[in-house]
Amino acid sequence: MTFRREHRFLRSNGRPNFSTKKREEESELEKVIRRDVVTVAKTTPIKVCAQKMARSGYRRMPVTVEQRRLVGIVTATDIVNYLGGGEYYAIVQKRHKDNIFSALREPVSSIMTREVVKAYYEETIEDVVSKMIKFNVGGMPVIFEDEIVGIVTERDLLRAISNQIPDLLVRDVMTRNVVTASIDETLLDLAKRIVERGVRRLPVLSQNKVVGVVSSMDIVKYIASSEPFRHMVLGLVKEVMNARVADVASPSAITITPESRLSDAYRLMIERDVGMLVVSRSNELKGLITERDILLACFSR
């Protein structure tokens, strides 16, 4: 399996020719690419990047220069890392003395990933899924001739091959070792767990019962809103991150039983527009199932 192929259909200016149906069909990715890519510049403040994520619902922002030339990518987890979850918080402490207003003016270039995992327009769906698995990413910019022409996510790929979902049960592919959050813990504690454990969505527990779901995007949306600044006294990042998980989490979890069919889990995800289901029986947490779990099942047969 290769991750890069020679260009097969270029215009005279070196760009892909999408003008005929025949040529569109020559790339498997054409049917799954999202063209409405939201990008940021290297100088875009982190606050503005968070606001763009909140408005668009996209948790990854390609960073571009000139005519859509990709130079990096910023994710919701990067922002969570910066606000106290990981090593990026050192920038806040050293450069901004923990001041939230100053910290949110920091350009995204300080926290972006420069070695971007990307898909090339000429690659196959199988190539792209293999990259997602290998590099543990849920989406990638799609590149043609060094310019970004779209983005592709696990959800996009799964839609394209949904007729290939194997006849398995949820329990056959679900994640059993679940990382959870407590409804009363702080966003700072949650941020650290997200970064340390490499997760982005967690069931929220209260007295060992699932009462909701929280994600890295929930923290970003909170930061992008005016709510954190209403009762601030000292203007410190730690004040913002001392909010409780209950303040940002979704108040309900969409559940499914371990004995449900995998195809039913996928249909429920589509109906409810979510990328994860909580697997439970009698309100007892048994595991999680995500779009990636189903995608892996499709390619593991």
C-alpha atoms as a PDB file:
ATOM      1  CA  MET A   1       0.000   0.000   0.000  1.00  0.00           C
ATOM      2  CA  THR A   2       1.379   3.410  -0.961  1.00  0.00           C
ATOM      3  CA  PHE A   3       0.432   6.793   0.423  1.00  0.00           C
ATOM      4  CA  ARG A   4       1.374   8.880  -2.598  1.00  0.00           C
ATOM      5  CA  ARG A   5       0.727   8.408  -6.278  1.00  0.00           C
ATOM      6  CA  GLU A   6       1.753  10.256  -9.416  1.00  0.00           C
ATOM      7  CA  HIS A   7      -0.605  12.925 -10.734  1.00  0.00           C
ATOM      8  CA  ARG A   8      -2.801  11.532 -13.489  1.00  0.00           C
ATOM      9  CA  PHE A   9      -4.981  14.409 -14.544  1.00  0.00           C
ATOM     10  CA  LEU A  10      -3.602  17.932 -14.376  1.00  0.00           C
ATOM     11  CA  ARG A  11      -4.690  21.125 -16.041  1.00  0.00           C
ATOM     12  CA  SER A  12      -2.009  23.130 -17.827  1.00  0.00           C
ATOM     13  CA  ASN A  13      -1.645  25.264 -14.675  1.00  0.00           C
ATOM     14  CA  GLY A  14      -0.894  22.165 -12.601  1.00  0.00           C
ATOM     15  CA  ARG A  15      -4.236  22.063 -10.757  1.00  0.00           C
ATOM     16  CA  PRO A  16      -6.697  19.179 -10.770  1.00  0.00           C
ATOM     17  CA  ASN A  17      -9.307  19.313 -13.487  1.00  0.00           C
ATOM     18  CA  PHE A  18     -12.720  18.684 -11.941  1.00  0.00           C
ATOM     19  CA  SER A  19     -14.658  19.783 -15.024  1.00  0.00           C
ATOM     20  CA  THR A  20     -15.765  16.372 -16.245  1.00  0.00           C
ATOM     21  CA  LYS A  21     -17.488  13.561 -14.431  1.00  0.00           C
ATOM     22  CA  LYS A  22     -15.028  11.036 -15.849  1.00  0.00           C
ATOM     23  CA  ARG A  23     -12.086  12.814 -14.303  1.00  0.00           C
ATOM     24  CA  GLU A  24     -13.825  13.362 -10.985  1.00  0.00           C
ATOM     25  CA  GLU A  25     -14.301   9.615 -10.747  1.00  0.00           C
ATOM     26  CA  GLU A  26     -10.577   9.017 -11.196  1.00  0.00           C
ATOM     27  CA  SER A  27      -9.999  10.024  -7.563  1.00  0.00           C
ATOM     28  CA  GLU A  28     -11.725   7.962  -4.881  1.00  0.00           C
ATOM     29  CA  LEU A  29     -11.499  10.906  -2.489  1.00  0.00           C
ATOM     30  CA  GLU A  30     -13.594  13.155  -4.728  1.00  0.00           C
ATOM     31  CA  LYS A  31     -16.790  11.677  -3.290  1.00  0.00           C
ATOM     32  CA  VAL A  32     -15.774  12.209   0.342  1.00  0.00           C
ATOM     33  CA  ILE A  33     -13.875  15.507   0.362  1.00  0.00           C
ATOM     34  CA  ARG A  34     -15.442  18.480   2.134  1.00  0.00           C
ATOM     35  CA  ARG A  35     -14.708  21.598   0.115  1.00  0.00           C
ATOM     36  CA  ASP A  36     -15.918  24.113   2.735  1.00  0.00           C
ATOM     37  CA  VAL A  37     -12.605  24.179   4.594  1.00  0.00           C
ATOM     38  CA  VAL A  38     -12.290  26.786   7.351  1.00  0.00           C
ATOM     39  CA  THR A  39      -8.671  27.909   7.707  1.00  0.00           C
ATOM     40  CA  VAL A  40      -6.677  30.303   9.853  1.00  0.00           C
ATOM     41  CA  ALA A  41      -3.447  32.250   9.301  1.00  0.00           C
ATOM     42  CA  LYS A  42      -0.278  31.814  11.350  1.00  0.00           C
ATOM     43  CA  THR A  43      -0.977  35.181  12.978  1.00  0.00           C
ATOM     44  CA  THR A  44      -4.591  34.402  13.904  1.00  0.00           C
ATOM     45  CA  PRO A  45      -5.056  34.821  17.690  1.00  0.00           C
ATOM     46  CA  ILE A  46      -5.952  31.646  19.578  1.00  0.00           C
ATOM     47  CA  LYS A  47      -9.182  33.321  20.749  1.00  0.00           C
ATOM     48  CA  VAL A  48     -10.257  33.930  17.134  1.00  0.00           C
ATOM     49  CA  CYS A  49      -9.331  30.365  16.201  1.00  0.00           C
ATOM     50  CA  ALA A  50     -11.484  29.060  19.084  1.00  0.00           C
ATOM     51  CA  GLN A  51     -14.384  31.228  17.904  1.00  0.00           C
ATOM     52  CA  LYS A  52     -14.057  29.852  14.373  1.00  0.00           C
ATOM     53  CA  MET A  53     -14.114  26.322  15.722  1.00  0.00           C
ATOM     54  CA  ALA A  54     -17.184  27.076  17.832  1.00  0.00           C
ATOM     55  CA  ARG A  55     -19.076  28.666  14.914  1.00  0.00           C
ATOM     56  CA  SER A  56     -18.186  26.033  12.327  1.00  0.00           C
ATOM     57  CA  GLY A  57     -18.262  22.970  14.568  1.00  0.00           C
ATOM     58  CA  TYR A  58     -14.908  21.901  13.115  1.00  0.00           C
ATOM     59  CA  ARG A  59     -12.373  20.848  15.730  1.00  0.00           C
ATOM     60  CA  ARG A  60      -9.368  21.166  13.427  1.00  0.00           C
ATOM     61  CA  MET A  61      -8.227  24.288  11.592  1.00  0.00           C
ATOM     62  CA  PRO A  62      -5.646  24.058   8.809  1.00  0.00           C
ATOM     63  CA  VAL A  63      -3.137  26.925   8.971  1.00  0.00           C
ATOM     64  CA  THR A  64      -2.383  28.378   5.545  1.00  0.00           C
ATOM     65  CA  VAL A  65      -0.298  31.069   3.870  1.00  0.00           C
ATOM     66  CA  GLU A  66      -0.466  32.672   0.441  1.00  0.00           C
ATOM     67  CA  GLN A  67      -2.904  30.809  -1.820  1.00  0.00           C
ATOM     68  CA  ARG A  68      -4.067  28.090   0.551  1.00  0.00           C
ATOM     69  CA  ARG A  69      -0.606  26.583   1.034  1.00  0.00           C
ATOM     70  CA  LEU A  70      -0.715  24.389   4.122  1.00  0.00           C
ATOM     71  CA  VAL A  71       1.872  25.159   6.820  1.00  0.00           C
ATOM     72  CA  GLY A  72       0.274  23.652   9.930  1.00  0.00           C
ATOM     73  CA  ILE A  73      -2.862  22.580  11.734  1.00  0.00           C
ATOM     74  CA  VAL A  74      -4.475  23.512  15.056  1.00  0.00           C
ATOM     75  CA  THR A  75      -6.925  21.237  16.842  1.00  0.00           C
ATOM     76  CA  ALA A  76      -9.296  21.671  19.761  1.00  0.00           C
ATOM     77  CA  THR A  77      -6.947  19.477  21.797  1.00  0.00           C
ATOM     78  CA  ASP A  78      -4.066  21.881  21.065  1.00  0.00           C
ATOM     79  CA  ILE A  79      -6.092  24.714  22.601  1.00  0.00           C
ATOM     80  CA  VAL A  80      -6.988  22.533  25.606  1.00  0.00           C
ATOM     81  CA  ASN A  81      -3.283  21.728  25.963  1.00  0.00           C
ATOM     82  CA  TYR A  82      -2.442  25.447  25.882  1.00  0.00           C
ATOM     83  CA  LEU A  83      -4.988  26.314  28.568  1.00  0.00           C
ATOM     84  CA  GLY A  84      -3.474  23.992  31.141  1.00  0.00           C
ATOM     85  CA  GLY A  85      -3.778  20.483  29.803  1.00  0.00           C
ATOM     86  CA  GLY A  86      -0.189  19.986  28.714  1.00  0.00           C
ATOM     87  CA  GLU A  87       3.203  21.386  27.819  1.00  0.00           C
ATOM     88  CA  TYR A  88       1.854  24.358  25.825  1.00  0.00           C
ATOM     89  CA  TYR A  89       0.690  25.879  29.104  1.00  0.00           C
ATOM     90  CA  ALA A  90       4.320  26.886  29.719  1.00  0.00           C
ATOM     91  CA  ILE A  91       3.788  29.581  27.063  1.00  0.00           C
ATOM     92  CA  VAL A  92       0.895  31.000  29.083  1.00  0.00           C
ATOM     93  CA  GLN A  93       2.945  31.027  32.270  1.00  0.00           C
ATOM     94  CA  LYS A  94       6.202  32.421  30.910  1.00  0.00           C
ATOM     95  CA  ARG A  95       5.005  34.798  28.217  1.00  0.00           C
ATOM     96  CA  HIS A  96       1.640  35.900  29.593  1.00  0.00           C
ATOM     97  CA  LYS A  97       1.995  35.409  33.366  1.00  0.00           C
ATOM     98  CA  ASP A  98      -1.256  33.419  33.331  1.00  0.00           C
ATOM     99  CA  ASN A  99      -3.281  36.405  32.072  1.00  0.00           C
ATOM    100  CA  ILE A 100      -6.205  35.019  30.062  1.00  0.00           C
ATOM    101  CA  PHE A 101      -6.679  38.071  27.850  1.00  0.00           C
ATOM    102  CA  SER A 102      -3.031  38.246  26.865  1.00  0.00           C
ATOM    103  CA  ALA A 103      -2.818  34.467  26.440  1.00  0.00           C
ATOM    104  CA  LEU A 104      -5.760  34.363  24.031  1.00  0.00           C
ATOM    105  CA  ARG A 105      -4.033  36.937  21.806  1.00  0.00           C
ATOM    106  CA  GLU A 106      -1.128  34.533  21.244  1.00  0.00           C
ATOM    107  CA  PRO A 107      -0.906  33.559  17.531  1.00  0.00           C
ATOM    108  CA  VAL A 108      -1.838  30.008  16.590  1.00  0.00           C
ATOM    109  CA  SER A 109       1.645  29.498  15.153  1.00  0.00           C
ATOM    110  CA  SER A 110       2.831  28.937  18.741  1.00  0.00           C
ATOM    111  CA  ILE A 111       0.704  25.817  19.196  1.00  0.00           C
ATOM    112  CA  MET A 112       0.107  24.518  15.672  1.00  0.00           C
ATOM    113  CA  THR A 113       1.501  21.207  14.455  1.00  0.00           C
ATOM    114  CA  ARG A 114       3.883  21.874  11.601  1.00  0.00           C
ATOM    115  CA  GLU A 115       4.377  18.297  10.397  1.00  0.00           C
ATOM    116  CA  VAL A 116       0.790  17.829   9.264  1.00  0.00           C
ATOM    117  CA  VAL A 117      -0.611  14.391   8.538  1.00  0.00           C
ATOM    118  CA  LYS A 118      -2.337  14.990   5.218  1.00  0.00           C
ATOM    119  CA  ALA A 119      -4.090  13.143   2.429  1.00  0.00           C
ATOM    120  CA  TYR A 120      -3.143  13.598  -1.198  1.00  0.00           C
ATOM    121  CA  TYR A 121      -5.938  13.980  -3.682  1.00  0.00           C
ATOM    122  CA  GLU A 122      -4.772  10.967  -5.707  1.00  0.00           C
ATOM    123  CA  GLU A 123      -4.807   8.525  -2.779  1.00  0.00           C
ATOM    124  CA  THR A 124      -7.441   5.873  -2.202  1.00  0.00           C
ATOM    125  CA  ILE A 125      -9.907   5.687   0.667  1.00  0.00           C
ATOM    126  CA  GLU A 126      -7.958   2.711   2.014  1.00  0.00           C
ATOM    127  CA  ASP A 127      -4.734   4.777   1.945  1.00  0.00           C
ATOM    128  CA  VAL A 128      -6.382   7.542   3.959  1.00  0.00           C
ATOM    129  CA  VAL A 129      -7.943   5.198   6.525  1.00  0.00           C
ATOM    130  CA  SER A 130      -4.528   3.575   7.003  1.00  0.00           C
ATOM    131  CA  LYS A 131      -3.001   6.993   7.693  1.00  0.00           C
ATOM    132  CA  MET A 132      -5.706   7.856  10.200  1.00  0.00           C
ATOM    133  CA  ILE A 133      -5.068   4.620  12.060  1.00  0.00           C
ATOM    134  CA  LYS A 134      -1.274   4.879  11.906  1.00  0.00           C
ATOM    135  CA  PHE A 135      -1.095   8.486  13.068  1.00  0.00           C
ATOM    136  CA  ASN A 136      -4.180   8.446  15.346  1.00  0.00           C
ATOM    137  CA  VAL A 137      -5.973  11.365  13.677  1.00  0.00           C
ATOM    138  CA  GLY A 138      -9.677  11.781  12.957  1.00  0.00           C
ATOM    139  CA  GLY A 139      -9.350  13.993   9.894  1.00  0.00           C
ATOM    140  CA  MET A 140      -6.832  15.316   7.409  1.00  0.00           C
ATOM    141  CA  PRO A 141      -6.458  18.203   4.977  1.00  0.00           C
ATOM    142  CA  VAL A 142      -6.499  17.035   1.361  1.00  0.00           C
ATOM    143  CA  ILE A 143      -3.616  18.397  -0.704  1.00  0.00           C
ATOM    144  CA  PHE A 144      -3.075  18.859  -4.409  1.00  0.00           C
ATOM    145  CA  GLU A 145       0.084  20.505  -5.719  1.00  0.00           C
ATOM    146  CA  ASP A 146       0.958  21.834  -2.234  1.00  0.00           C
ATOM    147  CA  GLU A 147      -2.404  23.579  -1.827  1.00  0.00           C
ATOM    148  CA  ILE A 148      -5.298  22.530   0.361  1.00  0.00           C
ATOM    149  CA  VAL A 149      -8.344  21.575  -1.714  1.00  0.00           C
ATOM    150  CA  GLY A 150     -10.513  20.096   1.018  1.00  0.00           C
ATOM    151  CA  ILE A 151     -10.638  18.084   4.193  1.00  0.00           C
ATOM    152  CA  VAL A 152     -11.684  14.507   4.928  1.00  0.00           C
ATOM    153  CA  THR A 153     -12.777  13.032   8.263  1.00  0.00           C
ATOM    154  CA  GLU A 154     -13.605   9.639   9.692  1.00  0.00           C
ATOM    155  CA  ARG A 155     -17.286  10.490   9.321  1.00  0.00           C
ATOM    156  CA  ASP A 156     -16.883  11.331   5.637  1.00  0.00           C
ATOM    157  CA  LEU A 157     -15.070   8.065   4.950  1.00  0.00           C
ATOM    158  CA  LEU A 158     -17.583   6.018   6.923  1.00  0.00           C
ATOM    159  CA  ARG A 159     -20.486   7.490   4.962  1.00  0.00           C
ATOM    160  CA  ALA A 160     -18.804   6.402   1.742  1.00  0.00           C
ATOM    161  CA  ILE A 161     -18.442   2.767   2.838  1.00  0.00           C
ATOM    162  CA  SER A 162     -21.461   2.441   5.138  1.00  0.00           C
ATOM    163  CA  ASN A 163     -22.793  -0.400   2.978  1.00  0.00           C
ATOM    164  CA  GLN A 164     -19.708  -2.399   3.977  1.00  0.00           C
ATOM    165  CA  ILE A 165     -20.344  -2.378   7.741  1.00  0.00           C
ATOM    166  CA  PRO A 166     -19.837  -5.995   8.868  1.00  0.00           C
ATOM    167  CA  ASP A 167     -22.516  -8.016  10.587  1.00  0.00           C
ATOM    168  CA  LEU A 168     -21.088  -7.643  14.088  1.00  0.00           C
ATOM    169  CA  LEU A 169     -22.392  -6.601  17.491  1.00  0.00           C
ATOM    170  CA  VAL A 170     -21.390  -3.432  19.296  1.00  0.00           C
ATOM    171  CA  ARG A 171     -19.647  -5.489  21.976  1.00  0.00           C
ATOM    172  CA  ASP A 172     -17.367  -6.978  19.304  1.00  0.00           C
ATOM    173  CA  VAL A 173     -15.689  -3.657  18.504  1.00  0.00           C
ATOM    174  CA  MET A 174     -16.412  -1.262  21.380  1.00  0.00           C
ATOM    175  CA  THR A 175     -13.736   0.274  23.606  1.00  0.00           C
ATOM    176  CA  ARG A 176     -13.987  -1.299  27.055  1.00  0.00           C
ATOM    177  CA  ASN A 177     -11.312   0.602  28.986  1.00  0.00           C
ATOM    178  CA  VAL A 178     -13.175   3.928  29.119  1.00  0.00           C
ATOM    179  CA  VAL A 179     -11.661   7.208  30.299  1.00  0.00           C
ATOM    180  CA  THR A 180     -14.366   9.137  32.174  1.00  0.00           C
ATOM    181  CA  ALA A 181     -14.918  12.546  33.760  1.00  0.00           C
ATOM    182  CA  SER A 182     -16.650  13.460  36.998  1.00  0.00           C
ATOM    183  CA  ILE A 183     -19.439  16.007  36.877  1.00  0.00           C
ATOM    184  CA  ASP A 184     -17.891  17.991  39.745  1.00  0.00           C
ATOM    185  CA  GLU A 185     -14.265  18.132  38.622  1.00  0.00           C
ATOM    186  CA  THR A 186     -12.702  21.259  37.127  1.00  0.00           C
ATOM    187  CA  LEU A 187     -11.994  21.957  33.469  1.00  0.00           C
ATOM    188  CA  LEU A 188      -8.301  22.037  34.364  1.00  0.00           C
ATOM    189  CA  ASP A 189      -8.466  18.447  35.624  1.00  0.00           C
ATOM    190  CA  LEU A 190     -10.433  17.477  32.529  1.00  0.00           C
ATOM    191  CA  ALA A 191      -7.940  19.220  30.221  1.00  0.00           C
ATOM    192  CA  LYS A 192      -5.026  17.333  31.746  1.00  0.00           C
ATOM    193  CA  ARG A 193      -6.808  14.014  31.313  1.00  0.00           C
ATOM    194  CA  ILE A 194      -7.680  14.759  27.679  1.00  0.00           C
ATOM    195  CA  VAL A 195      -4.053  15.500  26.857  1.00  0.00           C
ATOM    196  CA  GLU A 196      -2.456  12.774  28.989  1.00  0.00           C
ATOM    197  CA  ARG A 197      -4.798   9.990  27.872  1.00  0.00           C
ATOM    198  CA  GLY A 198      -5.101  11.090  24.242  1.00  0.00           C
ATOM    199  CA  VAL A 199      -8.910  11.192  24.243  1.00  0.00           C
ATOM    200  CA  ARG A 200     -11.266  13.906  23.123  1.00  0.00           C
ATOM    201  CA  ARG A 201     -14.707  12.704  24.303  1.00  0.00           C
ATOM    202  CA  LEU A 202     -15.499  11.345  27.762  1.00  0.00           C
ATOM    203  CA  PRO A 203     -18.663  10.070  29.452  1.00  0.00           C
ATOM    204  CA  VAL A 204     -19.505  12.185  32.512  1.00  0.00           C
ATOM    205  CA  LEU A 205     -20.281  10.269  35.681  1.00  0.00           C
ATOM    206  CA  SER A 206     -22.183  11.182  38.828  1.00  0.00           C
ATOM    207  CA  GLN A 207     -22.366   8.528  41.535  1.00  0.00           C
ATOM    208  CA  ASN A 208     -21.103   5.993  38.985  1.00  0.00           C
ATOM    209  CA  LYS A 209     -23.982   6.724  36.601  1.00  0.00           C
ATOM    210  CA  VAL A 210     -23.548   8.250  33.136  1.00  0.00           C
ATOM    211  CA  VAL A 211     -25.155  11.695  33.161  1.00  0.00           C
ATOM    212  CA  GLY A 212     -23.632  13.275  30.067  1.00  0.00           C
ATOM    213  CA  VAL A 213     -20.703  13.583  27.679  1.00  0.00           C
ATOM    214  CA  VAL A 214     -17.916  16.153  27.567  1.00  0.00           C
ATOM    215  CA  SER A 215     -15.287  16.803  24.896  1.00  0.00           C
ATOM    216  CA  SER A 216     -12.318  18.983  24.045  1.00  0.00           C
ATOM    217  CA  MET A 217     -14.648  20.975  21.788  1.00  0.00           C
ATOM    218  CA  ASP A 218     -16.891  21.750  24.765  1.00  0.00           C
ATOM    219  CA  ILE A 219     -13.939  23.466  26.450  1.00  0.00           C
ATOM    220  CA  VAL A 220     -13.129  25.373  23.257  1.00  0.00           C
ATOM    221  CA  LYS A 221     -16.739  26.519  22.875  1.00  0.00           C
ATOM    222  CA  TYR A 222     -16.736  27.679  26.477  1.00  0.00           C
ATOM    223  CA  ILE A 223     -13.556  29.708  25.948  1.00  0.00           C
ATOM    224  CA  ALA A 224     -14.974  31.164  22.734  1.00  0.00           C
ATOM    225  CA  SER A 225     -18.084  32.417  24.547  1.00  0.00           C
ATOM    226  CA  SER A 226     -18.420  35.341  26.931  1.00  0.00           C
ATOM    227  CA  GLU A 227     -19.403  33.127  29.855  1.00  0.00           C
ATOM    228  CA  PRO A 228     -15.906  32.566  31.359  1.00  0.00           C
ATOM    229  CA  PHE A 229     -15.354  36.295  31.697  1.00  0.00           C
ATOM    230  CA  ARG A 230     -18.566  37.263  33.466  1.00  0.00           C
ATOM    231  CA  HIS A 231     -17.404  36.638  37.031  1.00  0.00           C
ATOM    232  CA  MET A 232     -13.656  36.922  36.618  1.00  0.00           C
ATOM    233  CA  VAL A 233     -11.735  38.783  39.325  1.00  0.00           C
ATOM    234  CA  LEU A 234      -8.028  38.554  38.509  1.00  0.00           C
ATOM    235  CA  GLY A 235      -8.163  37.745  34.804  1.00  0.00           C
ATOM    236  CA  LEU A 236      -6.203  34.499  35.148  1.00  0.00           C
ATOM    237  CA  VAL A 237      -6.397  31.397  32.991  1.00  0.00           C
ATOM    238  CA  LYS A 238      -6.728  29.323  36.160  1.00  0.00           C
ATOM    239  CA  GLU A 239      -9.918  31.197  37.069  1.00  0.00           C
ATOM    240  CA  VAL A 240     -11.470  30.190  33.746  1.00  0.00           C
ATOM    241  CA  MET A 241     -10.296  26.596  34.023  1.00  0.00           C
ATOM    242  CA  ASN A 242     -11.690  26.264  37.543  1.00  0.00           C
ATOM    243  CA  ALA A 243     -15.192  26.034  36.072  1.00  0.00           C
ATOM    244  CA  ARG A 244     -16.820  22.645  36.581  1.00  0.00           C
ATOM    245  CA  VAL A 245     -17.370  19.966  33.973  1.00  0.00           C
ATOM    246  CA  ALA A 246     -21.094  20.358  34.694  1.00  0.00           C
ATOM    247  CA  ASP A 247     -20.867  23.893  33.257  1.00  0.00           C
ATOM    248  CA  VAL A 248     -19.840  22.752  29.782  1.00  0.00           C
ATOM    249  CA  ALA A 249     -20.856  19.096  29.332  1.00  0.00           C
ATOM    250  CA  SER A 250     -23.772  17.917  27.232  1.00  0.00           C
ATOM    251  CA  PRO A 251     -26.454  17.000  29.807  1.00  0.00           C
ATOM    252  CA  SER A 252     -27.343  13.675  28.235  1.00  0.00           C
ATOM    253  CA  ALA A 253     -25.559  10.761  26.632  1.00  0.00           C
ATOM    254  CA  ILE A 254     -26.812   8.825  23.625  1.00  0.00           C
ATOM    255  CA  THR A 255     -26.627   5.181  24.578  1.00  0.00           C
ATOM    256  CA  ILE A 256     -26.782   1.789  22.945  1.00  0.00           C
ATOM    257  CA  THR A 257     -26.600  -1.751  24.343  1.00  0.00           C
ATOM    258  CA  PRO A 258     -23.637  -4.088  23.806  1.00  0.00           C
ATOM    259  CA  GLU A 259     -25.940  -6.543  22.010  1.00  0.00           C
ATOM    260  CA  SER A 260     -27.017  -4.021  19.349  1.00  0.00           C
ATOM    261  CA  ARG A 261     -25.858  -4.524  15.780  1.00  0.00           C
ATOM    262  CA  LEU A 262     -23.004  -2.407  14.488  1.00  0.00           C
ATOM    263  CA  SER A 263     -25.167  -1.170  11.616  1.00  0.00           C
ATOM    264  CA  ASP A 264     -27.751   0.063  14.139  1.00  0.00           C
ATOM    265  CA  ALA A 265     -25.034   1.936  16.030  1.00  0.00           C
ATOM    266  CA  TYR A 266     -24.005   3.671  12.822  1.00  0.00           C
ATOM    267  CA  ARG A 267     -27.595   4.619  11.964  1.00  0.00           C
ATOM    268  CA  LEU A 268     -28.054   6.082  15.449  1.00  0.00           C
ATOM    269  CA  MET A 269     -24.884   8.150  15.058  1.00  0.00           C
ATOM    270  CA  ILE A 270     -26.179   9.557  11.774  1.00  0.00           C
ATOM    271  CA  GLU A 271     -29.655  10.258  13.188  1.00  0.00           C
ATOM    272  CA  ARG A 272     -28.292  12.046  16.257  1.00  0.00           C
ATOM    273  CA  ASP A 273     -25.312  13.651  14.482  1.00  0.00           C
ATOM    274  CA  VAL A 274     -22.725  12.321  16.944  1.00  0.00           C
ATOM    275  CA  GLY A 275     -19.433  10.497  16.558  1.00  0.00           C
ATOM    276  CA  MET A 276     -19.653   8.431  19.734  1.00  0.00           C
ATOM    277  CA  LEU A 277     -22.217   6.364  21.616  1.00  0.00           C
ATOM    278  CA  VAL A 278     -22.077   5.305  25.250  1.00  0.00           C
ATOM    279  CA  VAL A 279     -22.510   1.545  25.565  1.00  0.00           C
ATOM    280  CA  SER A 280     -24.524   0.704  28.652  1.00  0.00           C
ATOM    281  CA  ARG A 281     -26.871  -1.826  30.144  1.00  0.00           C
ATOM    282  CA  SER A 282     -29.271  -0.923  32.980  1.00  0.00           C
ATOM    283  CA  ASN A 283     -27.557   2.478  33.156  1.00  0.00           C
ATOM    284  CA  GLU A 284     -24.206   0.793  33.849  1.00  0.00           C
ATOM    285  CA  LEU A 285     -21.293   1.912  31.656  1.00  0.00           C
ATOM    286  CA  LYS A 286     -19.933  -0.958  29.561  1.00  0.00           C
ATOM    287  CA  GLY A 287     -17.884   0.854  26.966  1.00  0.00           C
ATOM    288  CA  LEU A 288     -17.839   3.335  24.098  1.00  0.00           C
ATOM    289  CA  ILE A 289     -18.222   2.963  20.379  1.00  0.00           C
ATOM    290  CA  THR A 290     -16.975   5.589  17.963  1.00  0.00           C
ATOM    291  CA  GLU A 291     -16.949   6.227  14.229  1.00  0.00           C
ATOM    292  CA  ARG A 292     -13.334   5.072  14.227  1.00  0.00           C
ATOM    293  CA  ASP A 293     -14.299   1.743  15.814  1.00  0.00           C
ATOM    294  CA  ILE A 294     -16.806   1.122  13.023  1.00  0.00           C
ATOM    295  CA  LEU A 295     -14.350   2.292  10.358  1.00  0.00           C
ATOM    296  CA  LEU A 296     -11.727  -0.110  11.692  1.00  0.00           C
ATOM    297  CA  ALA A 297     -14.258  -2.942  11.648  1.00  0.00           C
ATOM    298  CA  CYS A 298     -14.971  -2.253   7.974  1.00  0.00           C
ATOM    299  CA  PHE A 299     -11.287  -2.612   7.051  1.00  0.00           C
ATOM    300  CA  SER A 300     -10.411  -5.478   9.385  1.00  0.00           C
ATOM    301  CA  ARG A 301     -12.460  -8.169   7.774  1.00  0.00           C
END
